[in-house]
Protein backbone atom coordinates (compact mmCIF):
# COMPACT_ATOMS: atom_id res chain seq x y z
CA MET A 1 -6.86 16.12 7.33
CA ASP A 2 -4.89 16.25 10.56
CA GLU A 3 -1.94 14.43 11.40
CA ASP A 4 -3.58 11.78 13.32
CA MET A 5 -6.12 11.11 10.64
CA ALA A 6 -3.52 11.12 8.06
CA ARG A 7 -1.63 8.46 9.99
CA ILE A 8 -4.78 6.32 10.08
CA VAL A 9 -5.21 6.57 6.58
CA ALA A 10 -1.78 5.89 5.35
CA THR A 11 -1.37 2.91 7.79
CA THR A 12 -4.65 1.42 6.60
CA GLY A 13 -3.62 2.11 2.94
CA THR A 14 -0.26 0.36 3.56
CA VAL A 15 -1.76 -2.74 5.48
CA VAL A 16 -4.32 -3.30 2.36
CA SER A 17 -1.52 -2.79 -0.13
CA ARG A 18 0.60 -5.40 1.60
CA GLN A 19 -2.21 -7.92 1.70
CA LEU A 20 -2.96 -7.32 -1.94
CA THR A 21 0.62 -7.76 -2.79
CA GLU A 22 0.87 -11.01 -1.02
CA LEU A 23 -2.36 -12.09 -2.66
CA TYR A 24 -0.75 -11.39 -6.09
CA GLU A 25 2.43 -13.26 -5.30
CA THR A 26 0.30 -16.34 -4.10
CA LEU A 27 -1.63 -16.07 -7.42
CA ASN A 28 1.38 -15.82 -9.44
CA GLN A 29 2.81 -18.84 -7.77
CA HIS A 30 -0.20 -21.01 -7.75
CA LEU A 31 -2.42 -19.90 -10.62
CA PRO A 32 0.03 -18.30 -13.04
CA ASP A 33 -2.56 -18.63 -15.93
CA GLU A 34 -4.85 -16.00 -13.78
CA MET A 35 -3.46 -13.09 -15.52
CA GLN A 36 -6.90 -10.89 -15.47
CA LEU A 37 -7.01 -11.36 -11.86
CA ARG A 38 -3.51 -10.32 -11.15
CA LEU A 39 -4.02 -7.28 -13.47
CA GLY A 40 -6.99 -6.41 -11.54
CA ILE A 41 -5.10 -6.61 -8.14
CA ALA A 42 -2.34 -4.43 -9.69
CA SER A 43 -4.88 -2.00 -10.67
CA VAL A 44 -6.31 -1.90 -7.21
CA LEU A 45 -2.85 -1.47 -5.72
CA ALA A 46 -2.28 1.23 -7.90
CA GLU A 47 -5.45 3.14 -6.79
CA VAL A 48 -4.87 2.49 -3.06
CA GLY A 49 -1.35 4.31 -3.59
CA LEU A 50 -2.81 7.11 -5.57
CA CYS A 51 -6.09 7.61 -4.00
CA ILE A 52 -5.52 6.73 -0.26
CA ILE A 53 -1.68 6.83 0.69
CA GLU A 54 -0.53 9.93 -1.31
CA PRO A 55 -3.44 12.17 -0.08
CA ALA A 56 -2.28 11.22 3.47
CA PHE A 57 1.27 11.90 2.82
CA LYS A 58 0.35 15.32 1.17
CA ALA A 59 -1.69 16.10 4.35
CA CYS A 60 1.33 15.16 6.44
CA PRO A 61 4.50 15.07 4.43
CA ALA A 62 6.63 14.03 7.45
CA LEU A 63 4.48 10.71 7.31
CA ARG A 64 6.28 9.84 4.01
CA THR A 65 9.74 10.16 5.47
CA GLU A 66 8.40 8.11 8.72
CA PHE A 67 6.91 5.31 6.52
CA GLU A 68 10.08 5.29 4.30
CA ARG A 69 12.41 4.87 7.08
CA ARG A 70 10.37 2.09 8.60
CA LEU A 71 10.26 0.32 5.45
CA GLU A 72 13.89 0.53 4.86
CA LYS A 73 14.50 -0.52 8.52
CA TYR A 74 11.88 -3.11 8.81
CA GLY A 75 10.73 -4.25 5.37
CA ARG A 76 7.24 -2.90 5.97
CA ALA A 77 5.82 0.46 6.54
CA SER A 78 2.97 -0.47 9.12
């Protein structure tokens, strides 16, 4: 995958991760007994990182640094 495609993949993966994290936190706050649902979300989050974001970072290692710098500075990678 070229750099442009890696950036698209990594950006999409981080957006999905952020949305799932927000959903997890909302469920945790409002439906604390829904442990199975939260576990499912956590599982999907792990898969997004492993199967979507990591391959993009491997294809273009400079993206990892770019995303980490943005995360540190703004609290979000995309």
